[in-house]
Amino acid sequence: MFVKALKSKIHSATVTDTRLYYSGSLAVDSELMTAAGILPYEAVLMADVTNGSRAETYIIPAEPGSGKIEVLGAAARLFNPGDTIIILNFGYYTPQEVKKLKPKVIVVDENNKIKKLL
């Protein structure tokens, strides 16, 4: 049996842009993705601290060091530039693996630069 558990999180990110007419995804500064251990096209859950919206999509890399957090496609109706969001990434683990799991948590500042690693 496998259990779904938090693998990594990018906390307090600021949405920099939204594009409704896009095939759908979340573009994130690739430096943040690397720091959090999130691979391109992995599933992520976006939780909007500003308005309470949640949406699941996949992540794609944006330019490294750009600070971009762009909500693309239908989810752009739920998120707005300037919103504070949490990007959650999950994995499937055996119960034994979960006991030893230490998720990567990246806290970013208002410019989406790494503030601290937890």
PDB file of N, CA and C in Angstrom:
ATOM      1  N   MET A   1       0.848  -1.180   0.000  1.00  0.00           N
ATOM      2  CA  MET A   1       0.000   0.000   0.000  1.00  0.00           C
ATOM      3  C   MET A   1       0.893   1.242   0.000  1.00  0.00           C
ATOM      4  N   PHE A   2       0.452   2.255  -0.737  1.00  0.00           N
ATOM      5  CA  PHE A   2       1.132   3.542  -0.754  1.00  0.00           C
ATOM      6  C   PHE A   2       0.215   4.598  -0.154  1.00  0.00           C
ATOM      7  N   VAL A   3       0.830   5.608   0.444  1.00  0.00           N
ATOM      8  CA  VAL A   3       0.070   6.741   0.965  1.00  0.00           C
ATOM      9  C   VAL A   3       0.566   8.002   0.254  1.00  0.00           C
ATOM     10  N   LYS A   4      -0.336   8.935   0.053  1.00  0.00           N
ATOM     11  CA  LYS A   4       0.007  10.212  -0.572  1.00  0.00           C
ATOM     12  C   LYS A   4       0.416  11.178   0.536  1.00  0.00           C
ATOM     13  N   ALA A   5       1.609  11.771   0.395  1.00  0.00           N
ATOM     14  CA  ALA A   5       2.113  12.677   1.417  1.00  0.00           C
ATOM     15  C   ALA A   5       2.832  13.855   0.758  1.00  0.00           C
ATOM     16  N   LEU A   6       2.979  14.931   1.506  1.00  0.00           N
ATOM     17  CA  LEU A   6       3.650  16.126   1.011  1.00  0.00           C
ATOM     18  C   LEU A   6       5.104  15.822   0.685  1.00  0.00           C
ATOM     19  N   LYS A   7       5.504  16.142  -0.544  1.00  0.00           N
ATOM     20  CA  LYS A   7       6.890  15.984  -0.979  1.00  0.00           C
ATOM     21  C   LYS A   7       7.630  17.310  -0.842  1.00  0.00           C
ATOM     22  N   SER A   8       6.976  18.395  -1.279  1.00  0.00           N
ATOM     23  CA  SER A   8       7.604  19.709  -1.204  1.00  0.00           C
ATOM     24  C   SER A   8       6.546  20.799  -1.285  1.00  0.00           C
ATOM     25  N   LYS A   9       7.000  22.012  -0.901  1.00  0.00           N
ATOM     26  CA  LYS A   9       6.064  23.140  -0.868  1.00  0.00           C
ATOM     27  C   LYS A   9       6.837  24.430  -1.117  1.00  0.00           C
ATOM     28  N   ILE A  10       6.234  25.305  -1.925  1.00  0.00           N
ATOM     29  CA  ILE A  10       6.739  26.671  -2.091  1.00  0.00           C
ATOM     30  C   ILE A  10       5.714  27.554  -1.404  1.00  0.00           C
ATOM     31  N   HIS A  11       6.130  28.151  -0.291  1.00  0.00           N
ATOM     32  CA  HIS A  11       5.213  28.870   0.590  1.00  0.00           C
ATOM     33  C   HIS A  11       5.319  30.384   0.403  1.00  0.00           C
ATOM     34  N   SER A  12       4.166  31.047   0.409  1.00  0.00           N
ATOM     35  CA  SER A  12       4.061  32.515   0.345  1.00  0.00           C
ATOM     36  C   SER A  12       4.496  33.098  -0.990  1.00  0.00           C
ATOM     37  N   ALA A  13       4.294  32.354  -2.071  1.00  0.00           N
ATOM     38  CA  ALA A  13       4.624  32.866  -3.401  1.00  0.00           C
ATOM     39  C   ALA A  13       3.592  33.910  -3.825  1.00  0.00           C
ATOM     40  N   THR A  14       4.025  34.849  -4.633  1.00  0.00           N
ATOM     41  CA  THR A  14       3.138  35.890  -5.143  1.00  0.00           C
ATOM     42  C   THR A  14       2.883  35.640  -6.625  1.00  0.00           C
ATOM     43  N   VAL A  15       1.614  35.567  -7.018  1.00  0.00           N
ATOM     44  CA  VAL A  15       1.258  35.405  -8.427  1.00  0.00           C
ATOM     45  C   VAL A  15       1.696  36.655  -9.173  1.00  0.00           C
ATOM     46  N   THR A  16       2.514  36.464 -10.210  1.00  0.00           N
ATOM     47  CA  THR A  16       3.017  37.604 -10.984  1.00  0.00           C
ATOM     48  C   THR A  16       2.165  37.902 -12.205  1.00  0.00           C
ATOM     49  N   ASP A  17       1.471  36.871 -12.720  1.00  0.00           N
ATOM     50  CA  ASP A  17       0.663  37.081 -13.919  1.00  0.00           C
ATOM     51  C   ASP A  17      -0.312  35.922 -14.073  1.00  0.00           C
ATOM     52  N   THR A  18      -1.365  36.151 -14.843  1.00  0.00           N
ATOM     53  CA  THR A  18      -2.302  35.099 -15.229  1.00  0.00           C
ATOM     54  C   THR A  18      -2.549  35.226 -16.726  1.00  0.00           C
ATOM     55  N   ARG A  19      -2.739  34.089 -17.378  1.00  0.00           N
ATOM     56  CA  ARG A  19      -3.089  34.078 -18.806  1.00  0.00           C
ATOM     57  C   ARG A  19      -4.174  33.032 -18.997  1.00  0.00           C
ATOM     58  N   LEU A  20      -5.380  33.507 -19.207  1.00  0.00           N
ATOM     59  CA  LEU A  20      -6.533  32.622 -19.335  1.00  0.00           C
ATOM     60  C   LEU A  20      -6.440  31.738 -20.575  1.00  0.00           C
ATOM     61  N   TYR A  21      -6.110  32.312 -21.700  1.00  0.00           N
ATOM     62  CA  TYR A  21      -6.134  31.570 -22.962  1.00  0.00           C
ATOM     63  C   TYR A  21      -4.780  30.926 -23.226  1.00  0.00           C
ATOM     64  N   TYR A  22      -4.521  29.912 -22.443  1.00  0.00           N
ATOM     65  CA  TYR A  22      -3.298  29.126 -22.509  1.00  0.00           C
ATOM     66  C   TYR A  22      -3.725  27.696 -22.243  1.00  0.00           C
ATOM     67  N   SER A  23      -2.993  26.733 -22.726  1.00  0.00           N
ATOM     68  CA  SER A  23      -3.453  25.339 -22.611  1.00  0.00           C
ATOM     69  C   SER A  23      -3.528  24.817 -21.179  1.00  0.00           C
ATOM     70  N   GLY A  24      -3.015  25.557 -20.228  1.00  0.00           N
ATOM     71  CA  GLY A  24      -3.215  25.218 -18.822  1.00  0.00           C
ATOM     72  C   GLY A  24      -1.979  24.713 -18.127  1.00  0.00           C
ATOM     73  N   SER A  25      -1.653  25.320 -17.016  1.00  0.00           N
ATOM     74  CA  SER A  25      -0.540  24.898 -16.171  1.00  0.00           C
ATOM     75  C   SER A  25      -0.171  26.025 -15.222  1.00  0.00           C
ATOM     76  N   LEU A  26       0.945  25.850 -14.544  1.00  0.00           N
ATOM     77  CA  LEU A  26       1.487  26.865 -13.657  1.00  0.00           C
ATOM     78  C   LEU A  26       2.961  27.016 -14.002  1.00  0.00           C
ATOM     79  N   ALA A  27       3.362  28.201 -14.448  1.00  0.00           N
ATOM     80  CA  ALA A  27       4.767  28.464 -14.763  1.00  0.00           C
ATOM     81  C   ALA A  27       5.436  29.044 -13.518  1.00  0.00           C
ATOM     82  N   VAL A  28       6.549  28.427 -13.121  1.00  0.00           N
ATOM     83  CA  VAL A  28       7.263  28.829 -11.902  1.00  0.00           C
ATOM     84  C   VAL A  28       8.743  28.981 -12.223  1.00  0.00           C
ATOM     85  N   ASP A  29       9.344  30.037 -11.685  1.00  0.00           N
ATOM     86  CA  ASP A  29      10.784  30.255 -11.785  1.00  0.00           C
ATOM     87  C   ASP A  29      11.492  28.917 -11.562  1.00  0.00           C
ATOM     88  N   SER A  30      12.278  28.482 -12.539  1.00  0.00           N
ATOM     89  CA  SER A  30      12.892  27.153 -12.463  1.00  0.00           C
ATOM     90  C   SER A  30      13.858  27.017 -11.285  1.00  0.00           C
ATOM     91  N   GLU A  31      14.421  28.125 -10.780  1.00  0.00           N
ATOM     92  CA  GLU A  31      15.278  28.043  -9.593  1.00  0.00           C
ATOM     93  C   GLU A  31      14.463  27.615  -8.367  1.00  0.00           C
ATOM     94  N   LEU A  32      13.230  28.093  -8.273  1.00  0.00           N
ATOM     95  CA  LEU A  32      12.360  27.683  -7.163  1.00  0.00           C
ATOM     96  C   LEU A  32      11.981  26.209  -7.300  1.00  0.00           C
ATOM     97  N   MET A  33      11.692  25.797  -8.524  1.00  0.00           N
ATOM     98  CA  MET A  33      11.352  24.388  -8.762  1.00  0.00           C
ATOM     99  C   MET A  33      12.500  23.477  -8.330  1.00  0.00           C
ATOM    100  N   THR A  34      13.716  23.832  -8.727  1.00  0.00           N
ATOM    101  CA  THR A  34      14.885  23.025  -8.375  1.00  0.00           C
ATOM    102  C   THR A  34      15.076  22.981  -6.864  1.00  0.00           C
ATOM    103  N   ALA A  35      14.985  24.131  -6.218  1.00  0.00           N
ATOM    104  CA  ALA A  35      15.168  24.199  -4.759  1.00  0.00           C
ATOM    105  C   ALA A  35      14.134  23.340  -4.032  1.00  0.00           C
ATOM    106  N   ALA A  36      12.917  23.290  -4.576  1.00  0.00           N
ATOM    107  CA  ALA A  36      11.840  22.518  -3.947  1.00  0.00           C
ATOM    108  C   ALA A  36      11.836  21.052  -4.395  1.00  0.00           C
ATOM    109  N   GLY A  37      12.642  20.719  -5.392  1.00  0.00           N
ATOM    110  CA  GLY A  37      12.669  19.343  -5.885  1.00  0.00           C
ATOM    111  C   GLY A  37      11.453  18.974  -6.706  1.00  0.00           C
ATOM    112  N   ILE A  38      10.866  19.962  -7.387  1.00  0.00           N
ATOM    113  CA  ILE A  38       9.696  19.711  -8.234  1.00  0.00           C
ATOM    114  C   ILE A  38      10.161  19.648  -9.684  1.00  0.00           C
ATOM    115  N   LEU A  39       9.810  18.577 -10.365  1.00  0.00           N
ATOM    116  CA  LEU A  39      10.208  18.378 -11.753  1.00  0.00           C
ATOM    117  C   LEU A  39       9.181  18.970 -12.713  1.00  0.00           C
ATOM    118  N   PRO A  40       9.617  19.367 -13.913  1.00  0.00           N
ATOM    119  CA  PRO A  40       8.661  19.847 -14.912  1.00  0.00           C
ATOM    120  C   PRO A  40       7.566  18.811 -15.162  1.00  0.00           C
ATOM    121  N   TYR A  41       6.358  19.291 -15.256  1.00  0.00           N
ATOM    122  CA  TYR A  41       5.154  18.514 -15.554  1.00  0.00           C
ATOM    123  C   TYR A  41       4.636  17.689 -14.381  1.00  0.00           C
ATOM    124  N   GLU A  42       5.225  17.833 -13.199  1.00  0.00           N
ATOM    125  CA  GLU A  42       4.663  17.165 -12.025  1.00  0.00           C
ATOM    126  C   GLU A  42       3.364  17.864 -11.628  1.00  0.00           C
ATOM    127  N   ALA A  43       2.474  17.100 -11.036  1.00  0.00           N
ATOM    128  CA  ALA A  43       1.214  17.658 -10.544  1.00  0.00           C
ATOM    129  C   ALA A  43       1.476  18.506  -9.301  1.00  0.00           C
ATOM    130  N   VAL A  44       0.770  19.625  -9.214  1.00  0.00           N
ATOM    131  CA  VAL A  44       0.837  20.485  -8.034  1.00  0.00           C
ATOM    132  C   VAL A  44      -0.565  20.956  -7.677  1.00  0.00           C
ATOM    133  N   LEU A  45      -0.728  21.278  -6.407  1.00  0.00           N
ATOM    134  CA  LEU A  45      -1.957  21.885  -5.926  1.00  0.00           C
ATOM    135  C   LEU A  45      -1.627  23.324  -5.555  1.00  0.00           C
ATOM    136  N   MET A  46      -2.409  24.259  -6.058  1.00  0.00           N
ATOM    137  CA  MET A  46      -2.230  25.671  -5.728  1.00  0.00           C
ATOM    138  C   MET A  46      -3.315  26.059  -4.743  1.00  0.00           C
ATOM    139  N   ALA A  47      -2.906  26.648  -3.627  1.00  0.00           N
ATOM    140  CA  ALA A  47      -3.857  27.120  -2.620  1.00  0.00           C
ATOM    141  C   ALA A  47      -3.668  28.632  -2.501  1.00  0.00           C
ATOM    142  N   ASP A  48      -4.736  29.383  -2.765  1.00  0.00           N
ATOM    143  CA  ASP A  48      -4.672  30.845  -2.737  1.00  0.00           C
ATOM    144  C   ASP A  48      -4.998  31.346  -1.338  1.00  0.00           C
ATOM    145  N   VAL A  49      -4.000  31.908  -0.671  1.00  0.00           N
ATOM    146  CA  VAL A  49      -4.178  32.434   0.677  1.00  0.00           C
ATOM    147  C   VAL A  49      -5.065  33.676   0.651  1.00  0.00           C
ATOM    148  N   THR A  50      -5.007  34.424  -0.431  1.00  0.00           N
ATOM    149  CA  THR A  50      -5.753  35.667  -0.552  1.00  0.00           C
ATOM    150  C   THR A  50      -7.261  35.443  -0.641  1.00  0.00           C
ATOM    151  N   ASN A  51      -7.695  34.457  -1.445  1.00  0.00           N
ATOM    152  CA  ASN A  51      -9.142  34.296  -1.643  1.00  0.00           C
ATOM    153  C   ASN A  51      -9.676  32.892  -1.354  1.00  0.00           C
ATOM    154  N   GLY A  52      -8.814  31.959  -0.963  1.00  0.00           N
ATOM    155  CA  GLY A  52      -9.276  30.620  -0.597  1.00  0.00           C
ATOM    156  C   GLY A  52      -9.430  29.641  -1.740  1.00  0.00           C
ATOM    157  N   SER A  53      -9.198  30.064  -2.980  1.00  0.00           N
ATOM    158  CA  SER A  53      -9.321  29.148  -4.121  1.00  0.00           C
ATOM    159  C   SER A  53      -8.235  28.086  -4.093  1.00  0.00           C
ATOM    160  N   ARG A  54      -8.584  26.927  -4.638  1.00  0.00           N
ATOM    161  CA  ARG A  54      -7.616  25.837  -4.785  1.00  0.00           C
ATOM    162  C   ARG A  54      -7.786  25.248  -6.171  1.00  0.00           C
ATOM    163  N   ALA A  55      -6.672  24.850  -6.777  1.00  0.00           N
ATOM    164  CA  ALA A  55      -6.730  24.224  -8.096  1.00  0.00           C
ATOM    165  C   ALA A  55      -5.536  23.295  -8.249  1.00  0.00           C
ATOM    166  N   GLU A  56      -5.778  22.198  -8.942  1.00  0.00           N
ATOM    167  CA  GLU A  56      -4.700  21.269  -9.238  1.00  0.00           C
ATOM    168  C   GLU A  56      -4.335  21.394 -10.706  1.00  0.00           C
ATOM    169  N   THR A  57      -3.043  21.375 -11.000  1.00  0.00           N
ATOM    170  CA  THR A  57      -2.555  21.468 -12.368  1.00  0.00           C
ATOM    171  C   THR A  57      -1.178  20.827 -12.420  1.00  0.00           C
ATOM    172  N   TYR A  58      -0.432  21.121 -13.470  1.00  0.00           N
ATOM    173  CA  TYR A  58       0.953  20.671 -13.554  1.00  0.00           C
ATOM    174  C   TYR A  58       1.846  21.899 -13.668  1.00  0.00           C
ATOM    175  N   ILE A  59       3.108  21.708 -13.356  1.00  0.00           N
ATOM    176  CA  ILE A  59       4.034  22.829 -13.285  1.00  0.00           C
ATOM    177  C   ILE A  59       4.983  22.803 -14.480  1.00  0.00           C
ATOM    178  N   ILE A  60       5.301  23.982 -14.992  1.00  0.00           N
ATOM    179  CA  ILE A  60       6.292  24.103 -16.065  1.00  0.00           C
ATOM    180  C   ILE A  60       7.315  25.158 -15.649  1.00  0.00           C
ATOM    181  N   PRO A  61       8.551  25.016 -16.113  1.00  0.00           N
ATOM    182  CA  PRO A  61       9.575  25.968 -15.698  1.00  0.00           C
ATOM    183  C   PRO A  61       9.458  27.313 -16.420  1.00  0.00           C
ATOM    184  N   ALA A  62       9.631  28.380 -15.637  1.00  0.00           N
ATOM    185  CA  ALA A  62       9.775  29.737 -16.170  1.00  0.00           C
ATOM    186  C   ALA A  62      11.258  30.095 -16.074  1.00  0.00           C
ATOM    187  N   GLU A  63      11.630  31.205 -16.636  1.00  0.00           N
ATOM    188  CA  GLU A  63      13.028  31.613 -16.684  1.00  0.00           C
ATOM    189  C   GLU A  63      13.661  31.594 -15.286  1.00  0.00           C
ATOM    190  N   PRO A  64      14.867  31.017 -15.172  1.00  0.00           N
ATOM    191  CA  PRO A  64      15.538  30.982 -13.875  1.00  0.00           C
ATOM    192  C   PRO A  64      15.852  32.388 -13.366  1.00  0.00           C
ATOM    193  N   GLY A  65      15.574  32.605 -12.093  1.00  0.00           N
ATOM    194  CA  GLY A  65      15.845  33.899 -11.476  1.00  0.00           C
ATOM    195  C   GLY A  65      14.831  34.981 -11.781  1.00  0.00           C
ATOM    196  N   SER A  66      13.791  34.635 -12.541  1.00  0.00           N
ATOM    197  CA  SER A  66      12.789  35.632 -12.958  1.00  0.00           C
ATOM    198  C   SER A  66      11.792  35.971 -11.859  1.00  0.00           C
ATOM    199  N   GLY A  67      11.610  35.064 -10.910  1.00  0.00           N
ATOM    200  CA  GLY A  67      10.600  35.263  -9.881  1.00  0.00           C
ATOM    201  C   GLY A  67       9.179  35.050 -10.386  1.00  0.00           C
ATOM    202  N   LYS A  68       9.032  34.536 -11.608  1.00  0.00           N
ATOM    203  CA  LYS A  68       7.695  34.354 -12.193  1.00  0.00           C
ATOM    204  C   LYS A  68       6.913  33.238 -11.521  1.00  0.00           C
ATOM    205  N   ILE A  69       5.660  33.543 -11.243  1.00  0.00           N
ATOM    206  CA  ILE A  69       4.651  32.574 -10.814  1.00  0.00           C
ATOM    207  C   ILE A  69       3.423  32.933 -11.649  1.00  0.00           C
ATOM    208  N   GLU A  70       3.250  32.251 -12.778  1.00  0.00           N
ATOM    209  CA  GLU A  70       2.169  32.569 -13.708  1.00  0.00           C
ATOM    210  C   GLU A  70       1.120  31.463 -13.725  1.00  0.00           C
ATOM    211  N   VAL A  71      -0.105  31.823 -13.434  1.00  0.00           N
ATOM    212  CA  VAL A  71      -1.217  30.877 -13.483  1.00  0.00           C
ATOM    213  C   VAL A  71      -1.762  30.920 -14.906  1.00  0.00           C
ATOM    214  N   LEU A  72      -1.754  29.761 -15.559  1.00  0.00           N
ATOM    215  CA  LEU A  72      -2.094  29.684 -16.981  1.00  0.00           C
ATOM    216  C   LEU A  72      -3.330  28.816 -17.191  1.00  0.00           C
ATOM    217  N   GLY A  73      -4.170  29.199 -18.125  1.00  0.00           N
ATOM    218  CA  GLY A  73      -5.348  28.408 -18.449  1.00  0.00           C
ATOM    219  C   GLY A  73      -6.524  28.702 -17.540  1.00  0.00           C
ATOM    220  N   ALA A  74      -7.426  27.742 -17.421  1.00  0.00           N
ATOM    221  CA  ALA A  74      -8.690  27.935 -16.704  1.00  0.00           C
ATOM    222  C   ALA A  74      -8.504  28.410 -15.261  1.00  0.00           C
ATOM    223  N   ALA A  75      -7.445  27.979 -14.598  1.00  0.00           N
ATOM    224  CA  ALA A  75      -7.213  28.391 -13.206  1.00  0.00           C
ATOM    225  C   ALA A  75      -7.011  29.898 -13.082  1.00  0.00           C
ATOM    226  N   ALA A  76      -6.717  30.564 -14.189  1.00  0.00           N
ATOM    227  CA  ALA A  76      -6.539  32.023 -14.168  1.00  0.00           C
ATOM    228  C   ALA A  76      -7.829  32.733 -13.742  1.00  0.00           C
ATOM    229  N   ARG A  77      -8.960  32.045 -13.807  1.00  0.00           N
ATOM    230  CA  ARG A  77     -10.220  32.633 -13.319  1.00  0.00           C
ATOM    231  C   ARG A  77     -10.289  32.632 -11.788  1.00  0.00           C
ATOM    232  N   LEU A  78      -9.440  31.831 -11.141  1.00  0.00           N
ATOM    233  CA  LEU A  78      -9.478  31.685  -9.684  1.00  0.00           C
ATOM    234  C   LEU A  78      -8.379  32.456  -8.964  1.00  0.00           C
ATOM    235  N   PHE A  79      -7.331  32.804  -9.677  1.00  0.00           N
ATOM    236  CA  PHE A  79      -6.152  33.446  -9.087  1.00  0.00           C
ATOM    237  C   PHE A  79      -5.891  34.767  -9.793  1.00  0.00           C
ATOM    238  N   ASN A  80      -5.360  35.744  -9.063  1.00  0.00           N
ATOM    239  CA  ASN A  80      -5.096  37.072  -9.624  1.00  0.00           C
ATOM    240  C   ASN A  80      -3.666  37.496  -9.336  1.00  0.00           C
ATOM    241  N   PRO A  81      -3.075  38.310 -10.222  1.00  0.00           N
ATOM    242  CA  PRO A  81      -1.752  38.850  -9.917  1.00  0.00           C
ATOM    243  C   PRO A  81      -1.776  39.541  -8.550  1.00  0.00           C
ATOM    244  N   GLY A  82      -0.738  39.291  -7.775  1.00  0.00           N
ATOM    245  CA  GLY A  82      -0.657  39.859  -6.434  1.00  0.00           C
ATOM    246  C   GLY A  82      -1.152  38.930  -5.343  1.00  0.00           C
ATOM    247  N   ASP A  83      -1.912  37.888  -5.703  1.00  0.00           N
ATOM    248  CA  ASP A  83      -2.385  36.922  -4.702  1.00  0.00           C
ATOM    249  C   ASP A  83      -1.202  36.163  -4.116  1.00  0.00           C
ATOM    250  N   THR A  84      -1.306  35.839  -2.843  1.00  0.00           N
ATOM    251  CA  THR A  84      -0.323  34.990  -2.177  1.00  0.00           C
ATOM    252  C   THR A  84      -0.812  33.552  -2.265  1.00  0.00           C
ATOM    253  N   ILE A  85       0.059  32.665  -2.752  1.00  0.00           N
ATOM    254  CA  ILE A  85      -0.337  31.267  -2.905  1.00  0.00           C
ATOM    255  C   ILE A  85       0.693  30.335  -2.271  1.00  0.00           C
ATOM    256  N   ILE A  86       0.242  29.114  -2.041  1.00  0.00           N
ATOM    257  CA  ILE A  86       1.107  28.026  -1.606  1.00  0.00           C
ATOM    258  C   ILE A  86       1.049  26.974  -2.713  1.00  0.00           C
ATOM    259  N   ILE A  87       2.208  26.533  -3.149  1.00  0.00           N
ATOM    260  CA  ILE A  87       2.294  25.505  -4.187  1.00  0.00           C
ATOM    261  C   ILE A  87       2.720  24.212  -3.503  1.00  0.00           C
ATOM    262  N   LEU A  88       1.842  23.209  -3.554  1.00  0.00           N
ATOM    263  CA  LEU A  88       2.060  21.938  -2.861  1.00  0.00           C
ATOM    264  C   LEU A  88       2.304  20.822  -3.870  1.00  0.00           C
ATOM    265  N   ASN A  89       3.277  19.976  -3.574  1.00  0.00           N
ATOM    266  CA  ASN A  89       3.630  18.861  -4.444  1.00  0.00           C
ATOM    267  C   ASN A  89       3.634  17.592  -3.593  1.00  0.00           C
ATOM    268  N   PHE A  90       2.992  16.554  -4.072  1.00  0.00           N
ATOM    269  CA  PHE A  90       2.833  15.328  -3.302  1.00  0.00           C
ATOM    270  C   PHE A  90       3.522  14.153  -3.985  1.00  0.00           C
ATOM    271  N   GLY A  91       3.815  13.146  -3.211  1.00  0.00           N
ATOM    272  CA  GLY A  91       4.369  11.906  -3.728  1.00  0.00           C
ATOM    273  C   GLY A  91       3.670  10.731  -3.078  1.00  0.00           C
ATOM    274  N   TYR A  92       3.925   9.553  -3.607  1.00  0.00           N
ATOM    275  CA  TYR A  92       3.358   8.327  -3.052  1.00  0.00           C
ATOM    276  C   TYR A  92       4.478   7.528  -2.405  1.00  0.00           C
ATOM    277  N   TYR A  93       4.252   7.154  -1.165  1.00  0.00           N
ATOM    278  CA  TYR A  93       5.286   6.520  -0.361  1.00  0.00           C
ATOM    279  C   TYR A  93       4.726   5.307   0.362  1.00  0.00           C
ATOM    280  N   THR A  94       5.631   4.412   0.711  1.00  0.00           N
ATOM    281  CA  THR A  94       5.222   3.314   1.585  1.00  0.00           C
ATOM    282  C   THR A  94       5.079   3.893   2.994  1.00  0.00           C
ATOM    283  N   PRO A  95       4.321   3.232   3.870  1.00  0.00           N
ATOM    284  CA  PRO A  95       4.214   3.727   5.245  1.00  0.00           C
ATOM    285  C   PRO A  95       5.580   3.866   5.927  1.00  0.00           C
ATOM    286  N   GLN A  96       6.516   2.992   5.595  1.00  0.00           N
ATOM    287  CA  GLN A  96       7.854   3.079   6.188  1.00  0.00           C
ATOM    288  C   GLN A  96       8.580   4.341   5.694  1.00  0.00           C
ATOM    289  N   GLU A  97       8.430   4.655   4.415  1.00  0.00           N
ATOM    290  CA  GLU A  97       9.072   5.857   3.863  1.00  0.00           C
ATOM    291  C   GLU A  97       8.487   7.126   4.482  1.00  0.00           C
ATOM    292  N   VAL A  98       7.191   7.156   4.706  1.00  0.00           N
ATOM    293  CA  VAL A  98       6.543   8.339   5.277  1.00  0.00           C
ATOM    294  C   VAL A  98       7.090   8.640   6.668  1.00  0.00           C
ATOM    295  N   LYS A  99       7.404   7.599   7.428  1.00  0.00           N
ATOM    296  CA  LYS A  99       7.932   7.810   8.778  1.00  0.00           C
ATOM    297  C   LYS A  99       9.246   8.584   8.763  1.00  0.00           C
ATOM    298  N   LYS A 100      10.006   8.470   7.681  1.00  0.00           N
ATOM    299  CA  LYS A 100      11.309   9.140   7.563  1.00  0.00           C
ATOM    300  C   LYS A 100      11.250  10.386   6.674  1.00  0.00           C
ATOM    301  N   LEU A 101      10.094  10.655   6.104  1.00  0.00           N
ATOM    302  CA  LEU A 101       9.951  11.741   5.132  1.00  0.00           C
ATOM    303  C   LEU A 101      10.175  13.113   5.764  1.00  0.00           C
ATOM    304  N   LYS A 102      10.946  13.934   5.082  1.00  0.00           N
ATOM    305  CA  LYS A 102      11.122  15.333   5.472  1.00  0.00           C
ATOM    306  C   LYS A 102      10.882  16.161   4.213  1.00  0.00           C
ATOM    307  N   PRO A 103       9.666  16.684   4.046  1.00  0.00           N
ATOM    308  CA  PRO A 103       9.369  17.465   2.836  1.00  0.00           C
ATOM    309  C   PRO A 103      10.265  18.697   2.729  1.00  0.00           C
ATOM    310  N   LYS A 104      10.573  19.080   1.488  1.00  0.00           N
ATOM    311  CA  LYS A 104      11.314  20.318   1.240  1.00  0.00           C
ATOM    312  C   LYS A 104      10.312  21.462   1.269  1.00  0.00           C
ATOM    313  N   VAL A 105      10.573  22.453   2.097  1.00  0.00           N
ATOM    314  CA  VAL A 105       9.691  23.615   2.188  1.00  0.00           C
ATOM    315  C   VAL A 105      10.526  24.854   1.898  1.00  0.00           C
ATOM    316  N   ILE A 106      10.117  25.570   0.861  1.00  0.00           N
ATOM    317  CA  ILE A 106      10.797  26.790   0.440  1.00  0.00           C
ATOM    318  C   ILE A 106       9.878  27.960   0.782  1.00  0.00           C
ATOM    319  N   VAL A 107      10.370  28.906   1.557  1.00  0.00           N
ATOM    320  CA  VAL A 107       9.610  30.122   1.863  1.00  0.00           C
ATOM    321  C   VAL A 107      10.214  31.229   1.014  1.00  0.00           C
ATOM    322  N   VAL A 108       9.353  31.933   0.290  1.00  0.00           N
ATOM    323  CA  VAL A 108       9.844  33.005  -0.581  1.00  0.00           C
ATOM    324  C   VAL A 108       9.369  34.366  -0.088  1.00  0.00           C
ATOM    325  N   ASP A 109      10.059  35.411  -0.546  1.00  0.00           N
ATOM    326  CA  ASP A 109       9.667  36.773  -0.186  1.00  0.00           C
ATOM    327  C   ASP A 109       8.658  37.308  -1.199  1.00  0.00           C
ATOM    328  N   GLU A 110       8.317  38.585  -1.099  1.00  0.00           N
ATOM    329  CA  GLU A 110       7.304  39.182  -1.981  1.00  0.00           C
ATOM    330  C   GLU A 110       7.734  39.247  -3.443  1.00  0.00           C
ATOM    331  N   ASN A 111       9.048  39.045  -3.714  1.00  0.00           N
ATOM    332  CA  ASN A 111       9.559  39.022  -5.085  1.00  0.00           C
ATOM    333  C   ASN A 111       9.832  37.589  -5.573  1.00  0.00           C
ATOM    334  N   ASN A 112       9.322  36.631  -4.803  1.00  0.00           N
ATOM    335  CA  ASN A 112       9.493  35.217  -5.114  1.00  0.00           C
ATOM    336  C   ASN A 112      10.956  34.788  -5.148  1.00  0.00           C
ATOM    337  N   LYS A 113      11.743  35.368  -4.259  1.00  0.00           N
ATOM    338  CA  LYS A 113      13.127  34.962  -4.052  1.00  0.00           C
ATOM    339  C   LYS A 113      13.174  34.143  -2.772  1.00  0.00           C
ATOM    340  N   ILE A 114      14.017  33.145  -2.742  1.00  0.00           N
ATOM    341  CA  ILE A 114      14.094  32.270  -1.578  1.00  0.00           C
ATOM    342  C   ILE A 114      14.507  33.062  -0.337  1.00  0.00           C
ATOM    343  N   LYS A 115      13.661  32.982   0.671  1.00  0.00           N
ATOM    344  CA  LYS A 115      13.916  33.641   1.956  1.00  0.00           C
ATOM    345  C   LYS A 115      14.530  32.644   2.926  1.00  0.00           C
ATOM    346  N   LYS A 116      13.954  31.434   2.960  1.00  0.00           N
ATOM    347  CA  LYS A 116      14.526  30.392   3.812  1.00  0.00           C
ATOM    348  C   LYS A 116      14.052  29.025   3.350  1.00  0.00           C
ATOM    349  N   LEU A 117      14.855  28.030   3.704  1.00  0.00           N
ATOM    350  CA  LEU A 117      14.541  26.639   3.440  1.00  0.00           C
ATOM    351  C   LEU A 117      14.232  25.984   4.775  1.00  0.00           C
ATOM    352  N   LEU A 118      13.098  25.318   4.851  1.00  0.00           N
ATOM    353  CA  LEU A 118      12.732  24.647   6.117  1.00  0.00           C
ATOM    354  C   LEU A 118      12.973  23.147   5.990  1.00  0.00           C
TER     355      LEU A 118
END
